[in-house]
Amino acid sequence: MKKLLIAPLAVAALALAGVVPSASGTATVRSDDMTTVAATAKCKSLTALSNVNVRKSASTKSTILRLWYKGTKGCDIKGVDGGSYKNACGIKSYHYWRKVNYRGTVGYVPNVCVKYS
């Protein structure tokens, strides 16, 4: 009976830790997954002040990964100094960004477009 309970728990723990089984029977850990898991575990909740693009890097020229909708929550990972942005969320010009996890997408948003909630 104990073996039946331990196996699913072990699989769940490996999945949370970002350990991915491979065809050879060994396991590999992807560092990007570990960063996301660690960041989610100590999440500081943020709320979007308006609809805002989540970008691949801290630049308005960076690829848009998804749209973060006004009033919805995400997780703060860290603040970063990045490319300048203009007219974002009512601020004429600024350069500070937040690295965030919004519904499983890790990316960057202008700092002035989110608030701690």
PDB file of N, CA and C in Angstrom:
ATOM      1  N   MET A   1       0.822  -1.202   0.000  1.00  0.00           N
ATOM      2  CA  MET A   1       0.000   0.000   0.000  1.00  0.00           C
ATOM      3  C   MET A   1       0.858   1.255   0.000  1.00  0.00           C
ATOM      4  N   LYS A   2       1.950   1.263   0.789  1.00  0.00           N
ATOM      5  CA  LYS A   2       2.808   2.441   0.849  1.00  0.00           C
ATOM      6  C   LYS A   2       3.436   2.740  -0.506  1.00  0.00           C
ATOM      7  N   LYS A   3       3.811   1.702  -1.246  1.00  0.00           N
ATOM      8  CA  LYS A   3       4.424   1.907  -2.554  1.00  0.00           C
ATOM      9  C   LYS A   3       3.459   2.604  -3.503  1.00  0.00           C
ATOM     10  N   LEU A   4       2.186   2.298  -3.405  1.00  0.00           N
ATOM     11  CA  LEU A   4       1.190   2.918  -4.273  1.00  0.00           C
ATOM     12  C   LEU A   4       1.054   4.406  -3.989  1.00  0.00           C
ATOM     13  N   LEU A   5       1.229   4.822  -2.757  1.00  0.00           N
ATOM     14  CA  LEU A   5       1.112   6.226  -2.390  1.00  0.00           C
ATOM     15  C   LEU A   5       2.385   7.012  -2.691  1.00  0.00           C
ATOM     16  N   ILE A   6       3.531   6.375  -2.573  1.00  0.00           N
ATOM     17  CA  ILE A   6       4.805   7.065  -2.755  1.00  0.00           C
ATOM     18  C   ILE A   6       5.073   7.395  -4.222  1.00  0.00           C
ATOM     19  N   ALA A   7       4.746   6.497  -5.136  1.00  0.00           N
ATOM     20  CA  ALA A   7       5.048   6.710  -6.552  1.00  0.00           C
ATOM     21  C   ALA A   7       4.405   7.983  -7.109  1.00  0.00           C
ATOM     22  N   PRO A   8       3.104   8.209  -6.905  1.00  0.00           N
ATOM     23  CA  PRO A   8       2.521   9.451  -7.435  1.00  0.00           C
ATOM     24  C   PRO A   8       3.104  10.704  -6.791  1.00  0.00           C
ATOM     25  N   LEU A   9       3.431  10.617  -5.506  1.00  0.00           N
ATOM     26  CA  LEU A   9       4.043  11.760  -4.827  1.00  0.00           C
ATOM     27  C   LEU A   9       5.423  12.057  -5.394  1.00  0.00           C
ATOM     28  N   ALA A  10       6.186  11.028  -5.679  1.00  0.00           N
ATOM     29  CA  ALA A  10       7.521  11.217  -6.242  1.00  0.00           C
ATOM     30  C   ALA A  10       7.439  11.845  -7.631  1.00  0.00           C
ATOM     31  N   VAL A  11       6.503  11.394  -8.443  1.00  0.00           N
ATOM     32  CA  VAL A  11       6.333  11.948  -9.792  1.00  0.00           C
ATOM     33  C   VAL A  11       5.937  13.419  -9.698  1.00  0.00           C
ATOM     34  N   ALA A  12       5.019  13.740  -8.796  1.00  0.00           N
ATOM     35  CA  ALA A  12       4.586  15.132  -8.634  1.00  0.00           C
ATOM     36  C   ALA A  12       5.738  16.010  -8.165  1.00  0.00           C
ATOM     37  N   ALA A  13       6.536  15.509  -7.222  1.00  0.00           N
ATOM     38  CA  ALA A  13       7.677  16.284  -6.718  1.00  0.00           C
ATOM     39  C   ALA A  13       8.691  16.533  -7.831  1.00  0.00           C
ATOM     40  N   LEU A  14       8.958  15.543  -8.655  1.00  0.00           N
ATOM     41  CA  LEU A  14       9.892  15.723  -9.772  1.00  0.00           C
ATOM     42  C   LEU A  14       9.359  16.738 -10.775  1.00  0.00           C
ATOM     43  N   ALA A  15       8.074  16.699 -11.039  1.00  0.00           N
ATOM     44  CA  ALA A  15       7.481  17.649 -11.981  1.00  0.00           C
ATOM     45  C   ALA A  15       7.589  19.070 -11.445  1.00  0.00           C
ATOM     46  N   LEU A  16       7.314  19.267 -10.162  1.00  0.00           N
ATOM     47  CA  LEU A  16       7.432  20.593  -9.561  1.00  0.00           C
ATOM     48  C   LEU A  16       8.875  21.100  -9.563  1.00  0.00           C
ATOM     49  N   ALA A  17       9.810  20.193  -9.430  1.00  0.00           N
ATOM     50  CA  ALA A  17      11.221  20.581  -9.401  1.00  0.00           C
ATOM     51  C   ALA A  17      11.789  20.814 -10.799  1.00  0.00           C
ATOM     52  N   GLY A  18      11.002  20.527 -11.827  1.00  0.00           N
ATOM     53  CA  GLY A  18      11.477  20.763 -13.192  1.00  0.00           C
ATOM     54  C   GLY A  18      12.333  19.633 -13.721  1.00  0.00           C
ATOM     55  N   VAL A  19      12.228  18.458 -13.118  1.00  0.00           N
ATOM     56  CA  VAL A  19      12.995  17.306 -13.576  1.00  0.00           C
ATOM     57  C   VAL A  19      12.167  16.606 -14.645  1.00  0.00           C
ATOM     58  N   VAL A  20      12.774  16.440 -15.808  1.00  0.00           N
ATOM     59  CA  VAL A  20      12.066  15.874 -16.940  1.00  0.00           C
ATOM     60  C   VAL A  20      12.715  14.552 -17.320  1.00  0.00           C
ATOM     61  N   PRO A  21      11.958  13.446 -17.313  1.00  0.00           N
ATOM     62  CA  PRO A  21      12.556  12.166 -17.716  1.00  0.00           C
ATOM     63  C   PRO A  21      12.892  12.178 -19.204  1.00  0.00           C
ATOM     64  N   SER A  22      13.970  11.521 -19.566  1.00  0.00           N
ATOM     65  CA  SER A  22      14.359  11.437 -20.975  1.00  0.00           C
ATOM     66  C   SER A  22      14.200  10.004 -21.459  1.00  0.00           C
ATOM     67  N   ALA A  23      14.359   9.793 -22.751  1.00  0.00           N
ATOM     68  CA  ALA A  23      14.210   8.469 -23.343  1.00  0.00           C
ATOM     69  C   ALA A  23      15.245   7.485 -22.804  1.00  0.00           C
ATOM     70  N   SER A  24      16.395   7.973 -22.374  1.00  0.00           N
ATOM     71  CA  SER A  24      17.453   7.085 -21.891  1.00  0.00           C
ATOM     72  C   SER A  24      17.215   6.622 -20.462  1.00  0.00           C
ATOM     73  N   GLY A  25      16.171   7.133 -19.825  1.00  0.00           N
ATOM     74  CA  GLY A  25      15.890   6.729 -18.455  1.00  0.00           C
ATOM     75  C   GLY A  25      16.502   7.659 -17.419  1.00  0.00           C
ATOM     76  N   THR A  26      17.358   8.570 -17.847  1.00  0.00           N
ATOM     77  CA  THR A  26      17.921   9.536 -16.916  1.00  0.00           C
ATOM     78  C   THR A  26      17.024  10.762 -16.868  1.00  0.00           C
ATOM     79  N   ALA A  27      17.286  11.648 -15.940  1.00  0.00           N
ATOM     80  CA  ALA A  27      16.460  12.854 -15.817  1.00  0.00           C
ATOM     81  C   ALA A  27      17.316  14.086 -16.041  1.00  0.00           C
ATOM     82  N   THR A  28      16.706  15.086 -16.623  1.00  0.00           N
ATOM     83  CA  THR A  28      17.410  16.346 -16.833  1.00  0.00           C
ATOM     84  C   THR A  28      16.598  17.473 -16.204  1.00  0.00           C
ATOM     85  N   VAL A  29      17.292  18.511 -15.783  1.00  0.00           N
ATOM     86  CA  VAL A  29      16.633  19.675 -15.208  1.00  0.00           C
ATOM     87  C   VAL A  29      16.903  20.857 -16.129  1.00  0.00           C
ATOM     88  N   ARG A  30      15.838  21.537 -16.532  1.00  0.00           N
ATOM     89  CA  ARG A  30      15.985  22.727 -17.353  1.00  0.00           C
ATOM     90  C   ARG A  30      16.024  23.924 -16.429  1.00  0.00           C
ATOM     91  N   SER A  31      17.070  24.726 -16.524  1.00  0.00           N
ATOM     92  CA  SER A  31      17.253  25.851 -15.596  1.00  0.00           C
ATOM     93  C   SER A  31      16.146  26.886 -15.712  1.00  0.00           C
ATOM     94  N   ASP A  32      15.591  27.114 -16.910  1.00  0.00           N
ATOM     95  CA  ASP A  32      14.491  28.069 -17.057  1.00  0.00           C
ATOM     96  C   ASP A  32      13.287  27.635 -16.240  1.00  0.00           C
ATOM     97  N   ASP A  33      13.008  26.323 -16.245  1.00  0.00           N
ATOM     98  CA  ASP A  33      11.884  25.812 -15.475  1.00  0.00           C
ATOM     99  C   ASP A  33      12.118  26.002 -13.981  1.00  0.00           C
ATOM    100  N   MET A  34      13.348  25.780 -13.540  1.00  0.00           N
ATOM    101  CA  MET A  34      13.665  25.936 -12.119  1.00  0.00           C
ATOM    102  C   MET A  34      13.475  27.378 -11.685  1.00  0.00           C
ATOM    103  N   THR A  35      13.870  28.320 -12.511  1.00  0.00           N
ATOM    104  CA  THR A  35      13.700  29.735 -12.193  1.00  0.00           C
ATOM    105  C   THR A  35      12.229  30.060 -12.038  1.00  0.00           C
ATOM    106  N   THR A  36      11.410  29.553 -12.946  1.00  0.00           N
ATOM    107  CA  THR A  36       9.970  29.810 -12.893  1.00  0.00           C
ATOM    108  C   THR A  36       9.355  29.187 -11.648  1.00  0.00           C
ATOM    109  N   VAL A  37       9.722  27.937 -11.347  1.00  0.00           N
ATOM    110  CA  VAL A  37       9.183  27.270 -10.162  1.00  0.00           C
ATOM    111  C   VAL A  37       9.586  28.016  -8.902  1.00  0.00           C
ATOM    112  N   ALA A  38      10.860  28.399  -8.806  1.00  0.00           N
ATOM    113  CA  ALA A  38      11.326  29.116  -7.626  1.00  0.00           C
ATOM    114  C   ALA A  38      10.628  30.456  -7.488  1.00  0.00           C
ATOM    115  N   ALA A  39      10.436  31.150  -8.592  1.00  0.00           N
ATOM    116  CA  ALA A  39       9.786  32.459  -8.551  1.00  0.00           C
ATOM    117  C   ALA A  39       8.328  32.332  -8.139  1.00  0.00           C
ATOM    118  N   THR A  40       7.655  31.291  -8.619  1.00  0.00           N
ATOM    119  CA  THR A  40       6.246  31.107  -8.285  1.00  0.00           C
ATOM    120  C   THR A  40       6.091  30.756  -6.810  1.00  0.00           C
ATOM    121  N   ALA A  41       7.036  30.001  -6.255  1.00  0.00           N
ATOM    122  CA  ALA A  41       6.954  29.596  -4.859  1.00  0.00           C
ATOM    123  C   ALA A  41       6.987  30.798  -3.917  1.00  0.00           C
ATOM    124  N   LYS A  42       7.690  31.852  -4.271  1.00  0.00           N
ATOM    125  CA  LYS A  42       7.760  33.039  -3.422  1.00  0.00           C
ATOM    126  C   LYS A  42       7.164  34.242  -4.142  1.00  0.00           C
ATOM    127  N   CYS A  43       5.963  34.063  -4.637  1.00  0.00           N
ATOM    128  CA  CYS A  43       5.295  35.060  -5.461  1.00  0.00           C
ATOM    129  C   CYS A  43       4.874  36.287  -4.668  1.00  0.00           C
ATOM    130  N   LYS A  44       5.224  37.458  -5.194  1.00  0.00           N
ATOM    131  CA  LYS A  44       4.676  38.722  -4.717  1.00  0.00           C
ATOM    132  C   LYS A  44       3.648  39.117  -5.755  1.00  0.00           C
ATOM    133  N   SER A  45       2.412  39.202  -5.349  1.00  0.00           N
ATOM    134  CA  SER A  45       1.315  39.429  -6.278  1.00  0.00           C
ATOM    135  C   SER A  45       1.328  40.842  -6.861  1.00  0.00           C
ATOM    136  N   LEU A  46       1.146  40.927  -8.179  1.00  0.00           N
ATOM    137  CA  LEU A  46       1.039  42.199  -8.891  1.00  0.00           C
ATOM    138  C   LEU A  46      -0.297  42.240  -9.625  1.00  0.00           C
ATOM    139  N   THR A  47      -0.845  43.431  -9.773  1.00  0.00           N
ATOM    140  CA  THR A  47      -2.061  43.638 -10.550  1.00  0.00           C
ATOM    141  C   THR A  47      -1.755  44.613 -11.674  1.00  0.00           C
ATOM    142  N   ALA A  48      -2.233  44.299 -12.880  1.00  0.00           N
ATOM    143  CA  ALA A  48      -2.035  45.185 -14.030  1.00  0.00           C
ATOM    144  C   ALA A  48      -2.951  46.394 -13.910  1.00  0.00           C
ATOM    145  N   LEU A  49      -2.388  47.589 -14.116  1.00  0.00           N
ATOM    146  CA  LEU A  49      -3.159  48.834 -14.037  1.00  0.00           C
ATOM    147  C   LEU A  49      -3.893  49.131 -15.331  1.00  0.00           C
ATOM    148  N   SER A  50      -3.454  48.529 -16.422  1.00  0.00           N
ATOM    149  CA  SER A  50      -4.130  48.628 -17.723  1.00  0.00           C
ATOM    150  C   SER A  50      -3.727  47.390 -18.514  1.00  0.00           C
ATOM    151  N   ASN A  51      -4.307  47.197 -19.684  1.00  0.00           N
ATOM    152  CA  ASN A  51      -3.851  46.102 -20.534  1.00  0.00           C
ATOM    153  C   ASN A  51      -2.405  46.393 -20.918  1.00  0.00           C
ATOM    154  N   VAL A  52      -1.524  45.424 -20.744  1.00  0.00           N
ATOM    155  CA  VAL A  52      -0.103  45.651 -20.987  1.00  0.00           C
ATOM    156  C   VAL A  52       0.508  44.425 -21.663  1.00  0.00           C
ATOM    157  N   ASN A  53       1.447  44.664 -22.585  1.00  0.00           N
ATOM    158  CA  ASN A  53       2.135  43.574 -23.277  1.00  0.00           C
ATOM    159  C   ASN A  53       3.224  42.986 -22.393  1.00  0.00           C
ATOM    160  N   VAL A  54       3.241  41.660 -22.277  1.00  0.00           N
ATOM    161  CA  VAL A  54       4.331  40.941 -21.614  1.00  0.00           C
ATOM    162  C   VAL A  54       5.335  40.631 -22.708  1.00  0.00           C
ATOM    163  N   ARG A  55       6.568  41.116 -22.540  1.00  0.00           N
ATOM    164  CA  ARG A  55       7.581  41.005 -23.596  1.00  0.00           C
ATOM    165  C   ARG A  55       8.696  40.028 -23.230  1.00  0.00           C
ATOM    166  N   LYS A  56       9.390  39.557 -24.256  1.00  0.00           N
ATOM    167  CA  LYS A  56      10.473  38.586 -24.085  1.00  0.00           C
ATOM    168  C   LYS A  56      11.671  39.180 -23.351  1.00  0.00           C
ATOM    169  N   SER A  57      11.953  40.457 -23.564  1.00  0.00           N
ATOM    170  CA  SER A  57      13.036  41.137 -22.841  1.00  0.00           C
ATOM    171  C   SER A  57      12.553  42.538 -22.475  1.00  0.00           C
ATOM    172  N   ALA A  58      13.340  43.251 -21.696  1.00  0.00           N
ATOM    173  CA  ALA A  58      12.961  44.567 -21.170  1.00  0.00           C
ATOM    174  C   ALA A  58      13.187  45.662 -22.211  1.00  0.00           C
ATOM    175  N   SER A  59      12.411  45.593 -23.281  1.00  0.00           N
ATOM    176  CA  SER A  59      12.519  46.560 -24.365  1.00  0.00           C
ATOM    177  C   SER A  59      11.202  46.609 -25.131  1.00  0.00           C
ATOM    178  N   THR A  60      10.808  47.794 -25.573  1.00  0.00           N
ATOM    179  CA  THR A  60       9.584  47.904 -26.370  1.00  0.00           C
ATOM    180  C   THR A  60       9.760  47.304 -27.765  1.00  0.00           C
ATOM    181  N   LYS A  61      10.986  47.029 -28.158  1.00  0.00           N
ATOM    182  CA  LYS A  61      11.244  46.405 -29.456  1.00  0.00           C
ATOM    183  C   LYS A  61      11.259  44.879 -29.362  1.00  0.00           C
ATOM    184  N   SER A  62      11.151  44.369 -28.152  1.00  0.00           N
ATOM    185  CA  SER A  62      11.173  42.931 -27.920  1.00  0.00           C
ATOM    186  C   SER A  62       9.852  42.279 -28.342  1.00  0.00           C
ATOM    187  N   THR A  63       9.913  40.998 -28.617  1.00  0.00           N
ATOM    188  CA  THR A  63       8.742  40.221 -29.006  1.00  0.00           C
ATOM    189  C   THR A  63       7.680  40.227 -27.903  1.00  0.00           C
ATOM    190  N   ILE A  64       6.430  40.418 -28.293  1.00  0.00           N
ATOM    191  CA  ILE A  64       5.313  40.349 -27.352  1.00  0.00           C
ATOM    192  C   ILE A  64       4.942  38.881 -27.161  1.00  0.00           C
ATOM    193  N   LEU A  65       4.944  38.426 -25.904  1.00  0.00           N
ATOM    194  CA  LEU A  65       4.611  37.037 -25.596  1.00  0.00           C
ATOM    195  C   LEU A  65       3.117  36.836 -25.375  1.00  0.00           C
ATOM    196  N   ARG A  66       2.477  37.816 -24.736  1.00  0.00           N
ATOM    197  CA  ARG A  66       1.035  37.753 -24.480  1.00  0.00           C
ATOM    198  C   ARG A  66       0.551  39.076 -23.931  1.00  0.00           C
ATOM    199  N   LEU A  67      -0.750  39.229 -23.816  1.00  0.00           N
ATOM    200  CA  LEU A  67      -1.347  40.429 -23.248  1.00  0.00           C
ATOM    201  C   LEU A  67      -1.764  40.146 -21.809  1.00  0.00           C
ATOM    202  N   TRP A  68      -1.398  41.048 -20.895  1.00  0.00           N
ATOM    203  CA  TRP A  68      -1.803  40.955 -19.490  1.00  0.00           C
ATOM    204  C   TRP A  68      -2.974  41.917 -19.336  1.00  0.00           C
ATOM    205  N   TYR A  69      -4.133  41.394 -18.941  1.00  0.00           N
ATOM    206  CA  TYR A  69      -5.350  42.189 -18.894  1.00  0.00           C
ATOM    207  C   TYR A  69      -5.476  43.013 -17.612  1.00  0.00           C
ATOM    208  N   LYS A  70      -5.992  44.214 -17.760  1.00  0.00           N
ATOM    209  CA  LYS A  70      -6.191  45.147 -16.649  1.00  0.00           C
ATOM    210  C   LYS A  70      -6.980  44.468 -15.521  1.00  0.00           C
ATOM    211  N   GLY A  71      -6.465  44.650 -14.302  1.00  0.00           N
ATOM    212  CA  GLY A  71      -7.148  44.141 -13.118  1.00  0.00           C
ATOM    213  C   GLY A  71      -6.841  42.707 -12.762  1.00  0.00           C
ATOM    214  N   THR A  72      -6.117  41.981 -13.632  1.00  0.00           N
ATOM    215  CA  THR A  72      -5.782  40.589 -13.321  1.00  0.00           C
ATOM    216  C   THR A  72      -4.432  40.531 -12.624  1.00  0.00           C
ATOM    217  N   LYS A  73      -4.176  39.421 -11.931  1.00  0.00           N
ATOM    218  CA  LYS A  73      -2.975  39.295 -11.110  1.00  0.00           C
ATOM    219  C   LYS A  73      -1.932  38.397 -11.746  1.00  0.00           C
ATOM    220  N   GLY A  74      -0.685  38.693 -11.407  1.00  0.00           N
ATOM    221  CA  GLY A  74       0.456  37.899 -11.816  1.00  0.00           C
ATOM    222  C   GLY A  74       1.475  37.912 -10.689  1.00  0.00           C
ATOM    223  N   CYS A  75       2.628  37.319 -10.925  1.00  0.00           N
ATOM    224  CA  CYS A  75       3.680  37.234  -9.904  1.00  0.00           C
ATOM    225  C   CYS A  75       4.897  38.061 -10.294  1.00  0.00           C
ATOM    226  N   ASP A  76       5.404  38.807  -9.336  1.00  0.00           N
ATOM    227  CA  ASP A  76       6.625  39.583  -9.522  1.00  0.00           C
ATOM    228  C   ASP A  76       7.823  38.670  -9.312  1.00  0.00           C
ATOM    229  N   ILE A  77       8.795  38.726 -10.207  1.00  0.00           N
ATOM    230  CA  ILE A  77      10.029  37.964 -10.048  1.00  0.00           C
ATOM    231  C   ILE A  77      11.153  38.901  -9.612  1.00  0.00           C
ATOM    232  N   LYS A  78      11.387  39.989 -10.369  1.00  0.00           N
ATOM    233  CA  LYS A  78      12.395  40.978  -9.981  1.00  0.00           C
ATOM    234  C   LYS A  78      12.277  42.221 -10.848  1.00  0.00           C
ATOM    235  N   GLY A  79      12.871  43.289 -10.397  1.00  0.00           N
ATOM    236  CA  GLY A  79      12.927  44.524 -11.163  1.00  0.00           C
ATOM    237  C   GLY A  79      14.206  44.573 -11.970  1.00  0.00           C
ATOM    238  N   VAL A  80      14.114  45.159 -13.154  1.00  0.00           N
ATOM    239  CA  VAL A  80      15.298  45.279 -14.008  1.00  0.00           C
ATOM    240  C   VAL A  80      15.308  46.642 -14.685  1.00  0.00           C
ATOM    241  N   ASP A  81      16.507  47.139 -14.917  1.00  0.00           N
ATOM    242  CA  ASP A  81      16.672  48.371 -15.682  1.00  0.00           C
ATOM    243  C   ASP A  81      16.760  47.952 -17.145  1.00  0.00           C
ATOM    244  N   GLY A  82      15.970  48.575 -17.996  1.00  0.00           N
ATOM    245  CA  GLY A  82      15.954  48.154 -19.394  1.00  0.00           C
ATOM    246  C   GLY A  82      15.794  49.318 -20.336  1.00  0.00           C
ATOM    247  N   GLY A  83      15.271  49.014 -21.497  1.00  0.00           N
ATOM    248  CA  GLY A  83      15.060  50.026 -22.514  1.00  0.00           C
ATOM    249  C   GLY A  83      13.998  51.033 -22.104  1.00  0.00           C
ATOM    250  N   SER A  84      14.128  52.248 -22.594  1.00  0.00           N
ATOM    251  CA  SER A  84      13.155  53.301 -22.291  1.00  0.00           C
ATOM    252  C   SER A  84      11.825  53.017 -22.959  1.00  0.00           C
ATOM    253  N   TYR A  85      10.762  53.426 -22.293  1.00  0.00           N
ATOM    254  CA  TYR A  85       9.440  53.359 -22.902  1.00  0.00           C
ATOM    255  C   TYR A  85       8.761  54.702 -22.706  1.00  0.00           C
ATOM    256  N   LYS A  86       7.885  55.028 -23.624  1.00  0.00           N
ATOM    257  CA  LYS A  86       7.195  56.318 -23.583  1.00  0.00           C
ATOM    258  C   LYS A  86       5.695  56.098 -23.561  1.00  0.00           C
ATOM    259  N   ASN A  87       5.010  56.984 -22.855  1.00  0.00           N
ATOM    260  CA  ASN A  87       3.552  56.974 -22.791  1.00  0.00           C
ATOM    261  C   ASN A  87       2.984  55.625 -22.359  1.00  0.00           C
ATOM    262  N   ALA A  88       3.632  54.975 -21.419  1.00  0.00           N
ATOM    263  CA  ALA A  88       3.128  53.706 -20.890  1.00  0.00           C
ATOM    264  C   ALA A  88       2.355  53.977 -19.607  1.00  0.00           C
ATOM    265  N   CYS A  89       1.104  53.601 -19.605  1.00  0.00           N
ATOM    266  CA  CYS A  89       0.259  53.704 -18.411  1.00  0.00           C
ATOM    267  C   CYS A  89       0.253  55.109 -17.813  1.00  0.00           C
ATOM    268  N   GLY A  90       0.264  56.111 -18.664  1.00  0.00           N
ATOM    269  CA  GLY A  90       0.172  57.493 -18.209  1.00  0.00           C
ATOM    270  C   GLY A  90       1.488  58.153 -17.837  1.00  0.00           C
ATOM    271  N   ILE A  91       2.606  57.456 -17.979  1.00  0.00           N
ATOM    272  CA  ILE A  91       3.923  58.019 -17.669  1.00  0.00           C
ATOM    273  C   ILE A  91       4.600  58.406 -18.989  1.00  0.00           C
ATOM    274  N   LYS A  92       5.112  59.626 -19.060  1.00  0.00           N
ATOM    275  CA  LYS A  92       5.702  60.116 -20.323  1.00  0.00           C
ATOM    276  C   LYS A  92       6.916  59.306 -20.763  1.00  0.00           C
ATOM    277  N   SER A  93       7.848  59.053 -19.845  1.00  0.00           N
ATOM    278  CA  SER A  93       9.048  58.317 -20.218  1.00  0.00           C
ATOM    279  C   SER A  93       9.687  57.708 -18.970  1.00  0.00           C
ATOM    280  N   TYR A  94      10.102  56.434 -19.088  1.00  0.00           N
ATOM    281  CA  TYR A  94      10.740  55.744 -17.965  1.00  0.00           C
ATOM    282  C   TYR A  94      11.501  54.545 -18.520  1.00  0.00           C
ATOM    283  N   HIS A  95      12.281  53.879 -17.683  1.00  0.00           N
ATOM    284  CA  HIS A  95      13.124  52.780 -18.170  1.00  0.00           C
ATOM    285  C   HIS A  95      13.162  51.570 -17.242  1.00  0.00           C
ATOM    286  N   TYR A  96      12.374  51.534 -16.193  1.00  0.00           N
ATOM    287  CA  TYR A  96      12.431  50.416 -15.255  1.00  0.00           C
ATOM    288  C   TYR A  96      11.324  49.415 -15.580  1.00  0.00           C
ATOM    289  N   TRP A  97      11.657  48.128 -15.563  1.00  0.00           N
ATOM    290  CA  TRP A  97      10.759  47.045 -15.927  1.00  0.00           C
ATOM    291  C   TRP A  97      10.623  46.050 -14.780  1.00  0.00           C
ATOM    292  N   ARG A  98       9.590  45.220 -14.810  1.00  0.00           N
ATOM    293  CA  ARG A  98       9.405  44.122 -13.872  1.00  0.00           C
ATOM    294  C   ARG A  98       9.460  42.822 -14.670  1.00  0.00           C
ATOM    295  N   LYS A  99      10.244  41.870 -14.173  1.00  0.00           N
ATOM    296  CA  LYS A  99      10.190  40.520 -14.727  1.00  0.00           C
ATOM    297  C   LYS A  99       9.058  39.838 -13.977  1.00  0.00           C
ATOM    298  N   VAL A 100       8.105  39.274 -14.717  1.00  0.00           N
ATOM    299  CA  VAL A 100       6.895  38.746 -14.109  1.00  0.00           C
ATOM    300  C   VAL A 100       6.557  37.357 -14.640  1.00  0.00           C
ATOM    301  N   ASN A 101       5.696  36.688 -13.910  1.00  0.00           N
ATOM    302  CA  ASN A 101       5.100  35.441 -14.361  1.00  0.00           C
ATOM    303  C   ASN A 101       3.601  35.693 -14.400  1.00  0.00           C
ATOM    304  N   TYR A 102       3.055  35.764 -15.596  1.00  0.00           N
ATOM    305  CA  TYR A 102       1.618  35.985 -15.759  1.00  0.00           C
ATOM    306  C   TYR A 102       1.016  34.759 -16.426  1.00  0.00           C
ATOM    307  N   ARG A 103       0.261  34.015 -15.652  1.00  0.00           N
ATOM    308  CA  ARG A 103      -0.418  32.806 -16.136  1.00  0.00           C
ATOM    309  C   ARG A 103       0.525  31.849 -16.857  1.00  0.00           C
ATOM    310  N   GLY A 104       1.718  31.662 -16.278  1.00  0.00           N
ATOM    311  CA  GLY A 104       2.687  30.725 -16.830  1.00  0.00           C
ATOM    312  C   GLY A 104       3.653  31.306 -17.845  1.00  0.00           C
ATOM    313  N   THR A 105       3.439  32.550 -18.261  1.00  0.00           N
ATOM    314  CA  THR A 105       4.350  33.210 -19.202  1.00  0.00           C
ATOM    315  C   THR A 105       5.285  34.112 -18.419  1.00  0.00           C
ATOM    316  N   VAL A 106       6.577  33.869 -18.540  1.00  0.00           N
ATOM    317  CA  VAL A 106       7.573  34.703 -17.864  1.00  0.00           C
ATOM    318  C   VAL A 106       8.095  35.715 -18.871  1.00  0.00           C
ATOM    319  N   GLY A 107       8.001  36.999 -18.505  1.00  0.00           N
ATOM    320  CA  GLY A 107       8.432  38.061 -19.397  1.00  0.00           C
ATOM    321  C   GLY A 107       8.545  39.378 -18.652  1.00  0.00           C
ATOM    322  N   TYR A 108       8.563  40.472 -19.398  1.00  0.00           N
ATOM    323  CA  TYR A 108       8.822  41.798 -18.827  1.00  0.00           C
ATOM    324  C   TYR A 108       7.686  42.754 -19.161  1.00  0.00           C
ATOM    325  N   VAL A 109       7.346  43.604 -18.187  1.00  0.00           N
ATOM    326  CA  VAL A 109       6.331  44.648 -18.378  1.00  0.00           C
ATOM    327  C   VAL A 109       6.885  45.948 -17.800  1.00  0.00           C
ATOM    328  N   PRO A 110       6.438  47.094 -18.323  1.00  0.00           N
ATOM    329  CA  PRO A 110       6.860  48.372 -17.737  1.00  0.00           C
ATOM    330  C   PRO A 110       6.450  48.436 -16.264  1.00  0.00           C
ATOM    331  N   ASN A 111       7.376  48.852 -15.437  1.00  0.00           N
ATOM    332  CA  ASN A 111       7.162  48.934 -13.996  1.00  0.00           C
ATOM    333  C   ASN A 111       5.932  49.773 -13.636  1.00  0.00           C
ATOM    334  N   VAL A 112       5.685  50.845 -14.373  1.00  0.00           N
ATOM    335  CA  VAL A 112       4.584  51.756 -14.040  1.00  0.00           C
ATOM    336  C   VAL A 112       3.216  51.197 -14.388  1.00  0.00           C
ATOM    337  N   CYS A 113       3.164  50.042 -15.048  1.00  0.00           N
ATOM    338  CA  CYS A 113       1.882  49.451 -15.467  1.00  0.00           C
ATOM    339  C   CYS A 113       1.360  48.392 -14.510  1.00  0.00           C
ATOM    340  N   VAL A 114       2.086  48.152 -13.422  1.00  0.00           N
ATOM    341  CA  VAL A 114       1.645  47.165 -12.431  1.00  0.00           C
ATOM    342  C   VAL A 114       1.805  47.754 -11.032  1.00  0.00           C
ATOM    343  N   LYS A 115       1.039  47.179 -10.097  1.00  0.00           N
ATOM    344  CA  LYS A 115       1.175  47.580  -8.698  1.00  0.00           C
ATOM    345  C   LYS A 115       1.090  46.336  -7.836  1.00  0.00           C
ATOM    346  N   TYR A 116       1.747  46.379  -6.665  1.00  0.00           N
ATOM    347  CA  TYR A 116       1.667  45.273  -5.725  1.00  0.00           C
ATOM    348  C   TYR A 116       0.261  45.186  -5.180  1.00  0.00           C
ATOM    349  N   SER A 117      -0.247  43.960  -5.086  1.00  0.00           N
ATOM    350  CA  SER A 117      -1.611  43.790  -4.583  1.00  0.00           C
ATOM    351  C   SER A 117      -1.679  42.774  -3.469  1.00  0.00           C
TER     352      SER A 117
END
